[in-house]
Amino acid sequence: MNEETFNMSIRKFLKTVGVRSQTEIERAVAKAIADGKLKGNEAFPARIQLTIDKVGLSLTLDGEIKLE
């Protein structure tokens, strides 16, 4: 295994996940506010699941998103 290739590959994947996730969350929150489902001052729980079947990894991370 080439450690440098491995680490760069992980970083690239995580950057893509981070950017894409942020964009999707922003869109979903903006729509929920526009639809009247959110007021814009809430905080709500968030969860993300990371799965890599080939190595038997299943990780759930919980957090909170605050709008104000």
N, C-alpha and C. Protein backbone atom coordinates (compact mmCIF):
# COMPACT_ATOMS: atom_id res chain seq x y z
N MET A 1 0.85 -1.18 0.00
CA MET A 1 0.00 0.00 0.00
C MET A 1 0.89 1.24 0.00
N ASN A 2 0.50 2.21 -0.81
CA ASN A 2 1.21 3.48 -0.85
C ASN A 2 0.48 4.45 0.07
N GLU A 3 1.10 4.78 1.19
CA GLU A 3 0.47 5.65 2.20
C GLU A 3 0.10 7.02 1.65
N GLU A 4 0.94 7.59 0.82
CA GLU A 4 0.67 8.92 0.26
C GLU A 4 -0.56 8.88 -0.65
N THR A 5 -0.63 7.90 -1.52
CA THR A 5 -1.79 7.75 -2.40
C THR A 5 -3.06 7.52 -1.59
N PHE A 6 -2.96 6.67 -0.59
CA PHE A 6 -4.08 6.36 0.29
C PHE A 6 -4.59 7.62 1.00
N ASN A 7 -3.68 8.37 1.63
CA ASN A 7 -4.07 9.58 2.35
C ASN A 7 -4.66 10.64 1.42
N MET A 8 -4.08 10.81 0.25
CA MET A 8 -4.60 11.79 -0.70
C MET A 8 -5.99 11.39 -1.19
N SER A 9 -6.20 10.10 -1.39
CA SER A 9 -7.49 9.60 -1.82
C SER A 9 -8.56 9.85 -0.75
N ILE A 10 -8.22 9.59 0.50
CA ILE A 10 -9.15 9.86 1.60
C ILE A 10 -9.47 11.34 1.67
N ARG A 11 -8.47 12.18 1.60
CA ARG A 11 -8.69 13.64 1.67
C ARG A 11 -9.58 14.13 0.54
N LYS A 12 -9.34 13.61 -0.66
CA LYS A 12 -10.16 14.00 -1.81
C LYS A 12 -11.62 13.58 -1.59
N PHE A 13 -11.82 12.36 -1.12
CA PHE A 13 -13.16 11.87 -0.84
C PHE A 13 -13.85 12.74 0.22
N LEU A 14 -13.15 13.01 1.32
CA LEU A 14 -13.74 13.80 2.40
C LEU A 14 -14.03 15.24 1.98
N LYS A 15 -13.19 15.80 1.12
CA LYS A 15 -13.46 17.15 0.61
C LYS A 15 -14.73 17.15 -0.22
N THR A 16 -14.88 16.16 -1.08
CA THR A 16 -16.09 16.04 -1.90
C THR A 16 -17.32 15.87 -1.01
N VAL A 17 -17.22 15.00 -0.01
CA VAL A 17 -18.33 14.78 0.91
C VAL A 17 -18.69 16.08 1.63
N GLY A 18 -17.69 16.79 2.12
CA GLY A 18 -17.93 18.03 2.87
C GLY A 18 -18.59 19.09 2.03
N VAL A 19 -18.07 19.33 0.84
CA VAL A 19 -18.61 20.37 -0.04
C VAL A 19 -20.03 20.01 -0.48
N ARG A 20 -20.22 18.78 -0.91
CA ARG A 20 -21.54 18.34 -1.38
C ARG A 20 -22.57 18.35 -0.26
N SER A 21 -22.16 17.88 0.92
CA SER A 21 -23.08 17.86 2.06
C SER A 21 -23.51 19.26 2.44
N GLN A 22 -22.56 20.19 2.49
CA GLN A 22 -22.90 21.57 2.84
C GLN A 22 -23.88 22.17 1.84
N THR A 23 -23.63 21.95 0.56
CA THR A 23 -24.52 22.46 -0.48
C THR A 23 -25.93 21.90 -0.33
N GLU A 24 -26.04 20.60 -0.11
CA GLU A 24 -27.35 19.96 0.02
C GLU A 24 -28.08 20.42 1.28
N ILE A 25 -27.35 20.58 2.38
CA ILE A 25 -27.98 21.08 3.62
C ILE A 25 -28.48 22.50 3.41
N GLU A 26 -27.68 23.34 2.80
CA GLU A 26 -28.09 24.73 2.56
C GLU A 26 -29.34 24.79 1.69
N ARG A 27 -29.39 23.98 0.66
CA ARG A 27 -30.58 23.95 -0.22
C ARG A 27 -31.81 23.47 0.53
N ALA A 28 -31.66 22.40 1.31
CA ALA A 28 -32.79 21.84 2.05
C ALA A 28 -33.31 22.82 3.09
N VAL A 29 -32.41 23.50 3.79
CA VAL A 29 -32.83 24.48 4.80
C VAL A 29 -33.51 25.67 4.14
N ALA A 30 -32.96 26.16 3.05
CA ALA A 30 -33.57 27.29 2.34
C ALA A 30 -34.98 26.92 1.87
N LYS A 31 -35.15 25.73 1.36
CA LYS A 31 -36.47 25.28 0.91
C LYS A 31 -37.43 25.14 2.09
N ALA A 32 -36.95 24.58 3.18
CA ALA A 32 -37.80 24.42 4.37
C ALA A 32 -38.24 25.78 4.91
N ILE A 33 -37.37 26.77 4.87
CA ILE A 33 -37.73 28.12 5.30
C ILE A 33 -38.76 28.70 4.33
N ALA A 34 -38.51 28.56 3.04
CA ALA A 34 -39.44 29.08 2.02
C ALA A 34 -40.81 28.41 2.11
N ASP A 35 -40.83 27.13 2.46
CA ASP A 35 -42.09 26.39 2.58
C ASP A 35 -42.77 26.59 3.93
N GLY A 36 -42.13 27.34 4.82
CA GLY A 36 -42.71 27.60 6.13
C GLY A 36 -42.51 26.48 7.14
N LYS A 37 -41.68 25.51 6.82
CA LYS A 37 -41.41 24.41 7.74
C LYS A 37 -40.42 24.80 8.83
N LEU A 38 -39.59 25.78 8.53
CA LEU A 38 -38.64 26.34 9.49
C LEU A 38 -38.81 27.85 9.54
N LYS A 39 -38.53 28.43 10.69
CA LYS A 39 -38.60 29.88 10.83
C LYS A 39 -37.26 30.54 10.51
N GLY A 40 -36.18 29.79 10.71
CA GLY A 40 -34.86 30.33 10.43
C GLY A 40 -34.05 30.59 11.69
N ASN A 41 -34.61 30.26 12.84
CA ASN A 41 -33.87 30.48 14.08
C ASN A 41 -33.71 29.19 14.90
N GLU A 42 -34.02 28.06 14.29
CA GLU A 42 -33.98 26.77 14.97
C GLU A 42 -32.57 26.18 15.04
N ALA A 43 -32.49 25.17 15.87
CA ALA A 43 -31.34 24.26 15.89
C ALA A 43 -31.95 22.87 15.80
N PHE A 44 -31.31 21.98 15.07
CA PHE A 44 -31.88 20.65 14.92
C PHE A 44 -30.76 19.62 14.77
N PRO A 45 -31.05 18.39 15.17
CA PRO A 45 -30.04 17.34 15.09
C PRO A 45 -29.77 16.93 13.64
N ALA A 46 -28.55 16.48 13.42
CA ALA A 46 -28.16 15.97 12.11
C ALA A 46 -27.37 14.68 12.33
N ARG A 47 -27.45 13.80 11.37
CA ARG A 47 -26.73 12.53 11.46
C ARG A 47 -26.19 12.20 10.07
N ILE A 48 -25.00 11.65 10.06
CA ILE A 48 -24.42 11.19 8.80
C ILE A 48 -23.89 9.77 9.01
N GLN A 49 -24.06 8.97 7.99
CA GLN A 49 -23.63 7.57 8.03
C GLN A 49 -22.54 7.36 6.99
N LEU A 50 -21.40 6.85 7.43
CA LEU A 50 -20.30 6.50 6.54
C LEU A 50 -20.19 4.99 6.50
N THR A 51 -20.27 4.44 5.31
CA THR A 51 -20.19 2.99 5.15
C THR A 51 -19.17 2.65 4.06
N ILE A 52 -18.28 1.76 4.40
CA ILE A 52 -17.35 1.20 3.41
C ILE A 52 -17.46 -0.31 3.56
N ASP A 53 -18.31 -0.90 2.74
CA ASP A 53 -18.61 -2.33 2.86
C ASP A 53 -17.37 -3.21 2.74
N LYS A 54 -16.48 -2.87 1.84
CA LYS A 54 -15.31 -3.71 1.55
C LYS A 54 -14.42 -3.94 2.77
N VAL A 55 -14.39 -2.95 3.69
CA VAL A 55 -13.55 -3.08 4.88
C VAL A 55 -14.36 -3.23 6.16
N GLY A 56 -15.67 -3.35 6.02
CA GLY A 56 -16.52 -3.56 7.18
C GLY A 56 -16.70 -2.34 8.07
N LEU A 57 -16.61 -1.15 7.48
CA LEU A 57 -16.76 0.08 8.26
C LEU A 57 -18.18 0.60 8.18
N SER A 58 -18.75 0.87 9.35
CA SER A 58 -20.05 1.52 9.44
C SER A 58 -19.96 2.48 10.60
N LEU A 59 -19.99 3.78 10.29
CA LEU A 59 -19.79 4.82 11.30
C LEU A 59 -20.93 5.82 11.21
N THR A 60 -21.54 6.11 12.35
CA THR A 60 -22.58 7.12 12.41
C THR A 60 -22.08 8.27 13.26
N LEU A 61 -22.20 9.48 12.73
CA LEU A 61 -21.80 10.68 13.46
C LEU A 61 -23.04 11.55 13.67
N ASP A 62 -23.23 11.99 14.90
CA ASP A 62 -24.35 12.86 15.23
C ASP A 62 -23.84 14.24 15.56
N GLY A 63 -24.64 15.24 15.23
CA GLY A 63 -24.29 16.61 15.51
C GLY A 63 -25.51 17.48 15.56
N GLU A 64 -25.29 18.77 15.56
CA GLU A 64 -26.38 19.74 15.59
C GLU A 64 -26.10 20.84 14.60
N ILE A 65 -27.15 21.29 13.92
CA ILE A 65 -27.04 22.42 13.00
C ILE A 65 -27.87 23.56 13.60
N LYS A 66 -27.24 24.70 13.75
CA LYS A 66 -27.91 25.88 14.32
C LYS A 66 -28.09 26.91 13.21
N LEU A 67 -29.26 27.47 13.14
CA LEU A 67 -29.53 28.50 12.14
C LEU A 67 -29.31 29.91 12.68
N GLU A 68 -29.24 30.01 13.98
CA GLU A 68 -29.04 31.33 14.58
C GLU A 68 -28.26 31.20 15.85
